[in-house]
Amino acid sequence: MIRYKSEMLKVSFKWITSSITDEELAKLDEVINARSREGWDLVSYSFMGGSGGGWGRGILMTFKRE
């Protein structure tokens, strides 16, 4: 059976301005590599612009594993 897991990584940059920092890129790599070590494969990601619902800006990532 395939299982899915979604995770939100909060970020300070705005996608349209391409102002991501080296620290934020390193954190993104850290999350993806940590999940990979746990057996999860990244299957999708999406930038969430923060529409005022309390989540803020972030990258929503979905992983899967059997």
Protein backbone atom coordinates (compact mmCIF):
# COMPACT_ATOMS: atom_id res chain seq x y z
CA MET A 1 0.00 0.00 0.00
CA ILE A 2 1.29 3.45 -0.90
CA ARG A 3 1.15 6.08 1.86
CA TYR A 4 1.34 9.82 1.37
CA LYS A 5 2.56 12.54 3.72
CA SER A 6 2.30 16.31 3.24
CA GLU A 7 4.47 18.85 4.97
CA MET A 8 4.62 22.65 4.93
CA LEU A 9 7.96 24.44 5.08
CA LYS A 10 7.41 28.08 6.03
CA VAL A 11 9.53 30.58 4.07
CA SER A 12 9.96 34.34 4.08
CA PHE A 13 10.43 34.92 0.35
CA LYS A 14 7.78 35.78 -2.20
CA TRP A 15 7.89 33.39 -5.16
CA ILE A 16 7.46 36.16 -7.74
CA THR A 17 10.46 38.13 -6.53
CA SER A 18 12.94 35.24 -6.57
CA SER A 19 14.36 36.45 -3.27
CA ILE A 20 15.01 33.07 -1.66
CA THR A 21 18.07 33.03 0.56
CA ASP A 22 20.83 30.44 0.71
CA GLU A 23 19.63 29.55 4.21
CA GLU A 24 16.09 28.85 2.97
CA LEU A 25 17.42 26.71 0.12
CA ALA A 26 19.54 24.78 2.59
CA LYS A 27 16.49 24.21 4.83
CA LEU A 28 14.49 22.95 1.84
CA ASP A 29 17.30 20.52 0.95
CA GLU A 30 17.51 19.46 4.60
CA VAL A 31 13.79 18.57 4.73
CA ILE A 32 13.82 16.70 1.41
CA ASN A 33 16.97 14.74 2.33
CA ALA A 34 15.67 13.94 5.82
CA ARG A 35 12.43 12.52 4.40
CA SER A 36 14.42 10.57 1.81
CA ARG A 37 16.46 8.93 4.58
CA GLU A 38 13.13 7.93 6.18
CA GLY A 39 12.10 6.24 2.93
CA TRP A 40 9.84 8.98 1.55
CA ASP A 41 10.00 10.13 -2.09
CA LEU A 42 9.07 13.71 -3.02
CA VAL A 43 6.20 13.56 -5.50
CA SER A 44 4.97 17.15 -5.64
CA TYR A 45 5.47 20.61 -4.24
CA SER A 46 3.63 23.90 -4.46
CA PHE A 47 4.33 27.42 -3.28
CA MET A 48 1.61 28.70 -0.95
CA GLY A 49 1.45 32.49 -1.08
CA GLY A 50 -0.21 33.09 2.27
CA SER A 51 -3.77 34.23 1.74
CA GLY A 52 -4.30 35.29 5.32
CA GLY A 53 -5.51 31.91 6.58
CA GLY A 54 -2.84 31.76 9.25
CA TRP A 55 -0.42 29.50 7.35
CA GLY A 56 1.78 32.25 5.96
CA ARG A 57 4.00 31.69 2.94
CA GLY A 58 5.49 28.27 2.46
CA ILE A 59 6.24 25.32 0.27
CA LEU A 60 3.75 22.47 0.57
CA MET A 61 5.52 19.19 -0.20
CA THR A 62 3.93 15.78 -0.66
CA PHE A 63 5.96 12.60 -0.17
CA LYS A 64 5.07 8.94 -0.74
CA ARG A 65 6.39 5.55 0.27
CA GLU A 66 5.21 1.97 0.21
